[in-house]
């Protein structure tokens, strides 16, 4: 049984609830984890879970952990706990740059063998909580195990374990390496514990024990679609799996993705999808609304090719960049996860998409998708769009960055 989560505040609440109700084990996989407001709330909840004897495993991407976690006393404090292990996928190393393109892009949290969340949200304020500041729109699906021996939760846990045991996944630091920090992190330990107390006082509803059957809808089947997990170039198994499902559609396929960056093979696969019986719609950020400068420029340079294969493109122009990765197929299949419609997701990163066969969940997902589609317009090939990116009101630094990306796009689009 499961439900769709689109609100950032609810996304944080459900994560805190999962952690608070865990009794034995928590597995968290994230592309990026920062010690900002929501990040500290997550750290505080994880620390409290470890205190009560729960085994906590965190798997983070090597590049983002180097940027946001290395030397950070809040993460050091958590990692010092005897019930916590943090591993890093493909640790950043400037001496071997040829390994640097493979990134851990999965986002999931699993508690015990009972409940899990899969989606596109990273673990910081852009994606979690209702605090002030910039936000991204995103989608999670929460799944509750009703006790089936073949529940999808075991697929998710097995996938997490397969990543955890990879040679390229290393402990963030050995426990004894933290000895020098013991005195300096006391203040941060006290702060995290106070954050937990404050959360319980100010948001008691986050900690209420609930009956998940009452907030989820039934399903016929749930499967995890996952790609290769090692370093270097990967077979595009997730992309091929998505296309295979979409080719079976009879009426309608709606794809939501932040970026569309395709090579010839991916374009050919989507053309075959478009040649089927269903109408194929894809919603992505407009060039001016895209939070990824490279994705913005590449989309404009190749938009005519996407329209030529029969894709009906809706460009999102909301009040912030759209980050959700989900697909609705006819009235029964819902796909939610971490996969962007780009070459990096297809060939370089670890990726997962949850495939749910449920009319009820499909209805939830389509309602959420249609809400965002109210802020779109049909795509067309318009030279004015490129002019807008380089217009007189654009800051000089942004304009220079965009010119460089435009010049290098033919050479870099296979890497970024």
Protein backbone atom coordinates (compact mmCIF):
# COMPACT_ATOMS: atom_id res chain seq x y z
CA UNK A 1 0.00 0.00 0.00
CA UNK A 2 1.29 3.47 -0.80
CA UNK A 3 0.67 7.19 -1.29
CA UNK A 4 2.14 10.03 -3.38
CA UNK A 5 3.86 12.88 -1.53
CA UNK A 6 4.41 16.19 -3.34
CA UNK A 7 4.50 18.73 -0.50
CA UNK A 8 7.98 19.47 0.90
CA UNK A 9 6.64 19.87 4.42
CA UNK A 10 4.89 16.51 4.32
CA UNK A 11 8.03 14.95 2.81
CA UNK A 12 10.07 16.01 5.85
CA UNK A 13 7.31 15.02 8.28
CA UNK A 14 7.05 11.49 6.89
CA UNK A 15 10.82 11.02 6.99
CA UNK A 16 10.97 12.10 10.63
CA UNK A 17 8.02 9.81 11.42
CA UNK A 18 9.70 6.84 9.74
CA UNK A 19 12.91 7.43 11.68
CA UNK A 20 11.06 7.93 14.96
CA UNK A 21 9.09 4.70 14.59
CA UNK A 22 12.06 2.54 13.51
CA UNK A 23 12.83 -0.27 15.93
CA UNK A 24 15.79 -2.11 14.41
CA UNK A 25 17.24 -0.64 11.23
CA UNK A 26 17.28 2.51 9.09
CA UNK A 27 18.80 2.62 5.60
CA UNK A 28 19.11 6.06 3.98
CA UNK A 29 20.48 6.66 0.49
CA UNK A 30 20.93 10.22 -0.73
CA UNK A 31 22.70 12.13 -3.48
CA UNK A 32 23.17 15.20 -1.27
CA UNK A 33 22.90 15.73 2.51
CA UNK A 34 23.47 19.16 4.07
CA UNK A 35 23.43 20.39 7.67
CA UNK A 36 20.90 23.16 7.09
CA UNK A 37 17.53 23.45 8.85
CA UNK A 38 15.88 20.28 7.53
CA UNK A 39 19.22 18.48 7.34
CA UNK A 40 19.84 19.08 11.05
CA UNK A 41 16.32 17.90 11.84
CA UNK A 42 17.06 14.67 9.98
CA UNK A 43 20.41 14.33 11.77
CA UNK A 44 18.73 14.92 15.13
CA UNK A 45 16.13 12.23 14.48
CA UNK A 46 18.78 9.77 13.28
CA UNK A 47 20.91 10.46 16.36
CA UNK A 48 17.96 9.81 18.67
CA UNK A 49 17.19 6.57 16.81
CA UNK A 50 20.79 5.43 17.25
CA UNK A 51 20.55 6.27 20.98
CA UNK A 52 17.65 3.86 21.39
CA UNK A 53 19.57 1.05 19.69
CA UNK A 54 18.49 1.34 16.05
CA UNK A 55 21.18 0.46 13.50
CA UNK A 56 21.57 3.43 11.15
CA UNK A 57 23.24 3.13 7.74
CA UNK A 58 23.67 6.16 5.49
CA UNK A 59 24.91 5.93 1.91
CA UNK A 60 25.90 9.24 0.29
CA UNK A 61 27.43 10.32 -3.00
CA UNK A 62 31.19 10.86 -2.93
CA UNK A 63 31.29 14.27 -4.57
CA UNK A 64 28.47 15.89 -2.64
CA UNK A 65 29.67 14.39 0.64
CA UNK A 66 33.07 15.97 -0.02
CA UNK A 67 31.40 19.34 -0.54
CA UNK A 68 28.87 19.24 2.31
CA UNK A 69 29.91 16.64 4.88
CA UNK A 70 33.68 16.56 5.05
CA UNK A 71 34.86 18.32 8.22
CA UNK A 72 31.27 19.16 9.19
CA UNK A 73 30.89 18.65 12.95
CA UNK A 74 27.21 17.67 12.73
CA UNK A 75 27.95 14.71 10.47
CA UNK A 76 31.07 13.84 12.46
CA UNK A 77 28.99 13.78 15.63
CA UNK A 78 26.49 11.36 14.09
CA UNK A 79 29.21 9.16 12.59
CA UNK A 80 30.90 8.85 15.99
CA UNK A 81 27.87 7.03 17.36
CA UNK A 82 28.51 3.27 17.70
CA UNK A 83 25.17 2.43 16.04
CA UNK A 84 25.81 4.58 12.96
CA UNK A 85 27.76 3.82 9.79
CA UNK A 86 28.17 6.25 6.89
CA UNK A 87 29.53 5.02 3.57
CA UNK A 88 30.51 7.06 0.53
CA UNK A 89 29.93 5.97 -3.06
CA UNK A 90 32.90 6.76 -5.32
CA UNK A 91 34.76 9.17 -3.06
CA UNK A 92 35.92 12.29 -4.91
CA UNK A 93 39.57 12.09 -5.91
CA UNK A 94 41.12 14.73 -8.22
CA UNK A 95 44.00 12.35 -8.97
CA UNK A 96 41.67 9.96 -10.82
CA UNK A 97 39.22 12.28 -12.62
CA UNK A 98 38.14 9.55 -15.05
CA UNK A 99 36.25 7.94 -12.17
CA UNK A 100 34.51 11.14 -11.20
CA UNK A 101 31.48 10.99 -13.52
CA UNK A 102 29.82 8.02 -11.79
CA UNK A 103 27.58 9.32 -9.02
CA UNK A 104 25.13 7.83 -6.54
CA UNK A 105 21.82 9.40 -7.52
CA UNK A 106 19.34 7.17 -5.63
CA UNK A 107 17.11 8.67 -2.94
CA UNK A 108 15.36 6.36 -0.50
CA UNK A 109 14.81 5.72 3.19
CA UNK A 110 13.78 2.33 4.56
CA UNK A 111 12.84 1.55 8.17
CA UNK A 112 12.92 -2.03 9.42
CA UNK A 113 10.93 -4.18 7.01
CA UNK A 114 7.81 -2.07 7.28
CA UNK A 115 7.85 1.29 5.44
CA UNK A 116 9.96 3.07 2.84
CA UNK A 117 10.09 6.22 0.74
CA UNK A 118 11.47 6.41 -2.81
CA UNK A 119 11.62 9.55 -4.93
CA UNK A 120 13.67 12.43 -6.23
CA UNK A 121 14.32 14.44 -3.06
CA UNK A 122 17.76 15.12 -1.67
CA UNK A 123 18.24 15.69 2.06
CA UNK A 124 18.32 19.45 2.56
CA UNK A 125 16.15 22.55 2.50
CA UNK A 126 15.60 22.76 -1.27
CA UNK A 127 13.54 19.57 -0.99
CA UNK A 128 12.38 19.20 2.61
CA UNK A 129 10.39 21.34 5.05
CA UNK A 130 8.40 24.56 4.95
CA UNK A 131 11.14 26.98 6.02
CA UNK A 132 11.69 30.20 4.09
CA UNK A 133 13.96 30.28 1.06
CA UNK A 134 14.31 28.65 -2.35
CA UNK A 135 12.53 25.33 -2.91
CA UNK A 136 12.27 22.67 -5.59
CA UNK A 137 9.09 20.82 -6.49
CA UNK A 138 9.48 17.05 -6.25
CA UNK A 139 7.68 13.73 -5.76
CA UNK A 140 8.03 10.78 -3.37
CA UNK A 141 6.02 7.62 -3.00
CA UNK A 142 5.55 6.12 0.47
CA UNK A 143 5.10 2.34 0.59
CA UNK A 144 3.83 0.29 3.52
CA UNK A 145 4.50 -3.43 3.78
CA UNK A 146 1.30 -5.27 4.69
CA UNK A 147 3.30 -8.37 5.60
CA UNK A 148 3.77 -10.03 2.22
CA UNK A 149 6.86 -12.23 2.05
CA UNK A 150 7.53 -10.96 -1.47
CA UNK A 151 6.98 -7.26 -0.63
CA UNK A 152 8.83 -4.70 -2.72
CA UNK A 153 10.55 -3.51 0.47
CA UNK A 154 12.89 -6.48 0.15
CA UNK A 155 13.78 -5.42 -3.40
CA UNK A 156 14.66 -1.95 -2.10
CA UNK A 157 16.67 -3.33 0.84
CA UNK A 158 18.50 -5.80 -1.39
CA UNK A 159 19.37 -3.01 -3.79
CA UNK A 160 20.64 -0.86 -0.92
CA UNK A 161 22.72 -3.77 0.39
CA UNK A 162 24.21 -4.38 -3.07
CA UNK A 163 25.39 -0.77 -3.15
CA UNK A 164 26.62 -0.94 0.44
CA UNK A 165 28.89 -3.90 -0.36
CA UNK A 166 30.47 -2.41 -3.49
CA UNK A 167 34.25 -1.97 -3.46
CA UNK A 168 33.75 1.68 -4.47
CA UNK A 169 31.65 2.30 -1.31
CA UNK A 170 33.97 3.10 1.59
CA UNK A 171 33.36 4.04 5.18
CA UNK A 172 33.32 7.80 5.42
CA UNK A 173 35.86 7.58 8.24
CA UNK A 174 36.92 4.88 10.67
CA UNK A 175 35.49 5.37 14.15
CA UNK A 176 38.90 5.86 15.76
CA UNK A 177 39.66 8.72 13.37
CA UNK A 178 37.04 10.82 15.17
CA UNK A 179 38.85 10.76 18.53
CA UNK A 180 40.36 14.19 17.90
CA UNK A 181 36.88 15.68 17.43
CA UNK A 182 35.31 14.40 20.67
CA UNK A 183 35.64 17.64 22.57
CA UNK A 184 34.91 19.98 19.66
CA UNK A 185 31.59 18.37 18.65
CA UNK A 186 30.01 18.51 22.12
CA UNK A 187 28.25 21.78 21.30
CA UNK A 188 26.89 20.36 18.05
CA UNK A 189 25.75 17.18 19.80
CA UNK A 190 23.87 19.31 22.32
CA UNK A 191 22.34 21.38 19.50
CA UNK A 192 21.07 18.32 17.64
CA UNK A 193 19.54 16.91 20.81
CA UNK A 194 17.83 20.23 21.49
CA UNK A 195 16.53 20.29 17.90
CA UNK A 196 14.92 16.90 18.53
CA UNK A 197 13.28 18.15 21.73
CA UNK A 198 12.04 21.27 19.92
CA UNK A 199 10.63 19.22 17.05
CA UNK A 200 8.63 17.03 19.45
CA UNK A 201 7.31 20.13 21.21
CA UNK A 202 6.47 22.28 18.18
CA UNK A 203 5.42 19.56 15.72
CA UNK A 204 4.02 16.70 17.82
CA UNK A 205 2.04 15.43 14.83
CA UNK A 206 5.33 14.32 13.25
CA UNK A 207 5.77 11.82 16.06
CA UNK A 208 2.25 10.45 16.30
CA UNK A 209 2.07 6.74 15.64
CA UNK A 210 -0.25 6.21 12.71
CA UNK A 211 -1.89 3.29 10.97
CA UNK A 212 -0.42 3.33 7.48
CA UNK A 213 -3.36 1.40 6.08
CA UNK A 214 -5.45 4.52 6.75
CA UNK A 215 -3.29 6.87 4.64
CA UNK A 216 -2.26 4.59 1.77
CA UNK A 217 -4.10 3.03 -1.16
CA UNK A 218 -4.00 -0.61 -2.33
CA UNK A 219 -1.82 -1.91 -5.15
CA UNK A 220 -1.77 -4.92 -7.41
CA UNK A 221 2.02 -5.06 -7.70
CA UNK A 222 5.11 -2.95 -6.96
CA UNK A 223 8.52 -3.55 -8.56
CA UNK A 224 11.85 -1.76 -8.31
CA UNK A 225 13.49 -0.86 -11.61
CA UNK A 226 17.22 -0.37 -10.99
CA UNK A 227 20.33 0.07 -13.09
CA UNK A 228 23.92 -1.08 -12.86
CA UNK A 229 25.74 0.07 -9.74
CA UNK A 230 29.45 -0.05 -10.56
CA UNK A 231 31.70 2.72 -11.79
CA UNK A 232 32.23 3.88 -15.37
CA UNK A 233 29.75 3.57 -18.25
CA UNK A 234 26.60 1.57 -17.53
CA UNK A 235 24.03 -0.20 -19.66
CA UNK A 236 20.93 2.04 -19.72
CA UNK A 237 18.74 -0.61 -18.07
CA UNK A 238 16.43 1.82 -16.31
CA UNK A 239 15.84 3.85 -19.46
CA UNK A 240 15.15 0.73 -21.54
CA UNK A 241 12.81 -0.55 -18.84
CA UNK A 242 10.87 2.71 -18.82
CA UNK A 243 10.60 2.72 -22.62
CA UNK A 244 9.45 -0.91 -22.63
CA UNK A 245 6.60 -0.05 -20.25
CA UNK A 246 5.66 3.09 -22.19
CA UNK A 247 5.54 1.17 -25.49
CA UNK A 248 2.75 -0.98 -24.03
CA UNK A 249 0.57 2.06 -23.28
CA UNK A 250 -2.85 2.17 -24.95
CA UNK A 251 -4.07 5.70 -24.26
CA UNK A 252 -1.77 8.16 -22.52
CA UNK A 253 1.75 8.48 -21.17
CA UNK A 254 2.75 11.58 -19.19
CA UNK A 255 6.41 12.05 -18.28
CA UNK A 256 7.69 14.65 -15.82
CA UNK A 257 11.43 15.31 -15.80
CA UNK A 258 13.63 18.32 -14.96
CA UNK A 259 15.92 17.81 -17.95
CA UNK A 260 15.76 16.25 -21.41
CA UNK A 261 19.25 15.51 -22.77
CA UNK A 262 19.21 12.54 -25.16
CA UNK A 263 21.70 10.83 -27.45
CA UNK A 264 20.70 9.21 -30.74
CA UNK A 265 19.78 5.85 -29.21
CA UNK A 266 17.64 7.42 -26.48
CA UNK A 267 15.94 9.62 -29.07
CA UNK A 268 15.24 6.55 -31.23
CA UNK A 269 13.73 4.69 -28.26
CA UNK A 270 11.41 7.59 -27.45
CA UNK A 271 10.45 7.87 -31.11
CA UNK A 272 9.35 4.22 -30.98
CA UNK A 273 7.32 5.07 -27.88
CA UNK A 274 5.67 7.92 -29.78
CA UNK A 275 4.85 5.58 -32.69
CA UNK A 276 2.65 3.44 -30.45
CA UNK A 277 -1.04 3.78 -29.72
CA UNK A 278 -0.83 6.29 -26.86
CA UNK A 279 -0.47 10.05 -26.77
CA UNK A 280 2.95 10.88 -25.29
CA UNK A 281 3.36 14.04 -23.22
CA UNK A 282 6.52 15.19 -21.49
CA UNK A 283 6.67 18.09 -19.04
CA UNK A 284 10.03 19.69 -18.38
CA UNK A 285 11.32 23.06 -17.24
CA UNK A 286 11.31 25.80 -19.83
CA UNK A 287 14.77 27.08 -20.70
CA UNK A 288 14.32 30.19 -18.58
CA UNK A 289 12.88 28.24 -15.62
CA UNK A 290 15.50 25.49 -15.57
CA UNK A 291 17.76 25.47 -12.50
CA UNK A 292 20.47 23.63 -14.46
CA UNK A 293 22.24 26.03 -16.87
CA UNK A 294 23.63 23.18 -18.96
CA UNK A 295 20.24 21.49 -19.20
CA UNK A 296 18.67 24.80 -20.21
CA UNK A 297 21.03 25.47 -23.10
CA UNK A 298 21.12 21.86 -24.33
CA UNK A 299 17.33 21.68 -24.34
CA UNK A 300 17.05 24.74 -26.57
CA UNK A 301 19.71 23.46 -28.95
CA UNK A 302 17.95 20.11 -29.40
CA UNK A 303 14.28 20.91 -28.85
CA UNK A 304 13.43 20.66 -32.54
CA UNK A 305 14.69 17.06 -32.60
CA UNK A 306 12.41 16.16 -29.68
CA UNK A 307 9.37 17.72 -31.35
CA UNK A 308 10.17 15.99 -34.64
CA UNK A 309 9.88 12.50 -33.13
CA UNK A 310 6.33 13.22 -31.95
CA UNK A 311 6.82 14.20 -28.32
CA UNK A 312 4.19 16.65 -27.10
CA UNK A 313 6.28 18.87 -24.83
CA UNK A 314 4.87 21.02 -22.04
CA UNK A 315 7.28 23.65 -20.73
CA UNK A 316 6.94 24.45 -17.04
CA UNK A 317 7.11 28.13 -16.06
CA UNK A 318 6.16 28.03 -12.39
CA UNK A 319 7.66 30.04 -9.56
CA UNK A 320 10.60 27.66 -9.14
CA UNK A 321 12.48 24.91 -10.95
CA UNK A 322 10.69 21.56 -11.21
CA UNK A 323 12.70 18.53 -10.08
CA UNK A 324 10.23 15.62 -10.06
CA UNK A 325 10.92 12.40 -11.98
CA UNK A 326 7.69 10.49 -12.53
CA UNK A 327 5.65 8.82 -15.27
CA UNK A 328 1.95 7.94 -15.44
CA UNK A 329 0.99 5.25 -17.95
CA UNK A 330 -2.71 4.91 -18.86
CA UNK A 331 -4.80 4.67 -15.68
CA UNK A 332 -2.86 2.06 -13.72
CA UNK A 333 0.96 2.32 -13.89
CA UNK A 334 2.79 4.97 -11.82
CA UNK A 335 6.59 5.31 -11.90
CA UNK A 336 8.42 7.48 -9.37
CA UNK A 337 12.11 7.72 -8.53
CA UNK A 338 15.44 9.35 -9.28
CA UNK A 339 15.80 8.94 -13.07
CA UNK A 340 16.09 12.09 -15.19
CA UNK A 341 15.52 11.86 -18.93
CA UNK A 342 19.16 12.57 -19.64
CA UNK A 343 22.32 10.71 -20.57
CA UNK A 344 23.85 11.07 -17.13
CA UNK A 345 20.99 9.12 -15.54
CA UNK A 346 21.01 6.61 -18.38
CA UNK A 347 24.72 5.83 -18.57
CA UNK A 348 26.63 7.18 -15.56
CA UNK A 349 24.69 7.34 -12.29
CA UNK A 350 23.02 4.79 -10.05
CA UNK A 351 19.27 5.16 -10.52
CA UNK A 352 15.99 3.63 -9.34
CA UNK A 353 12.35 3.97 -10.36
CA UNK A 354 9.51 2.34 -8.47
CA UNK A 355 6.88 0.81 -10.76
CA UNK A 356 3.43 0.66 -9.14
CA UNK A 357 0.40 -1.05 -10.65
CA UNK A 358 -2.51 0.70 -8.91
CA UNK A 359 -5.43 2.68 -10.33
CA UNK A 360 -5.79 4.51 -7.03
CA UNK A 361 -2.17 5.64 -6.92
CA UNK A 362 -2.23 6.49 -10.61
CA UNK A 363 -5.16 8.80 -9.88
CA UNK A 364 -3.18 10.49 -7.08
CA UNK A 365 -0.13 10.93 -9.28
CA UNK A 366 -2.06 12.25 -12.27
CA UNK A 367 -3.85 14.80 -10.07
CA UNK A 368 -0.47 16.07 -8.84
CA UNK A 369 0.95 16.15 -12.36
CA UNK A 370 -2.04 18.02 -13.73
CA UNK A 371 -1.70 20.62 -10.99
CA UNK A 372 1.81 21.50 -12.19
CA UNK A 373 0.78 21.28 -15.84
CA UNK A 374 -1.52 24.26 -15.25
CA UNK A 375 1.67 26.36 -15.26
CA UNK A 376 2.92 25.12 -18.64
CA UNK A 377 2.67 26.06 -22.28
CA UNK A 378 3.16 23.86 -25.38
CA UNK A 379 6.72 23.89 -26.65
CA UNK A 380 7.65 25.30 -30.02
CA UNK A 381 10.89 26.12 -31.78
CA UNK A 382 11.29 29.82 -31.07
CA UNK A 383 14.50 31.74 -31.68
CA UNK A 384 13.38 34.35 -29.16
CA UNK A 385 13.95 31.84 -26.36
CA UNK A 386 17.69 31.79 -27.02
CA UNK A 387 17.69 35.57 -27.25
CA UNK A 388 15.96 35.71 -23.87
CA UNK A 389 18.78 33.74 -22.25
CA UNK A 390 21.27 36.30 -23.52
CA UNK A 391 19.09 39.39 -23.26
CA UNK A 392 20.16 42.80 -21.90
CA UNK A 393 18.62 42.10 -18.46
CA UNK A 394 20.73 38.96 -17.90
CA UNK A 395 23.72 39.58 -15.56
CA UNK A 396 27.05 39.57 -17.37
CA UNK A 397 28.33 36.58 -15.40
CA UNK A 398 25.31 34.45 -16.29
CA UNK A 399 25.47 35.56 -19.91
CA UNK A 400 29.17 34.58 -20.14
CA UNK A 401 28.47 31.21 -18.50
CA UNK A 402 25.70 30.50 -21.00
CA UNK A 403 27.87 31.43 -23.98
CA UNK A 404 30.58 29.04 -22.79
CA UNK A 405 28.03 26.25 -22.30
CA UNK A 406 26.59 26.87 -25.76
CA UNK A 407 30.02 26.58 -27.34
CA UNK A 408 31.00 23.46 -25.40
CA UNK A 409 27.64 21.68 -25.51
CA UNK A 410 28.46 19.40 -28.49
CA UNK A 411 31.50 18.11 -26.62
CA UNK A 412 30.19 17.97 -23.05
CA UNK A 413 26.56 16.87 -23.38
CA UNK A 414 27.65 13.22 -23.14
CA UNK A 415 29.36 13.88 -19.81
CA UNK A 416 27.10 16.25 -17.82
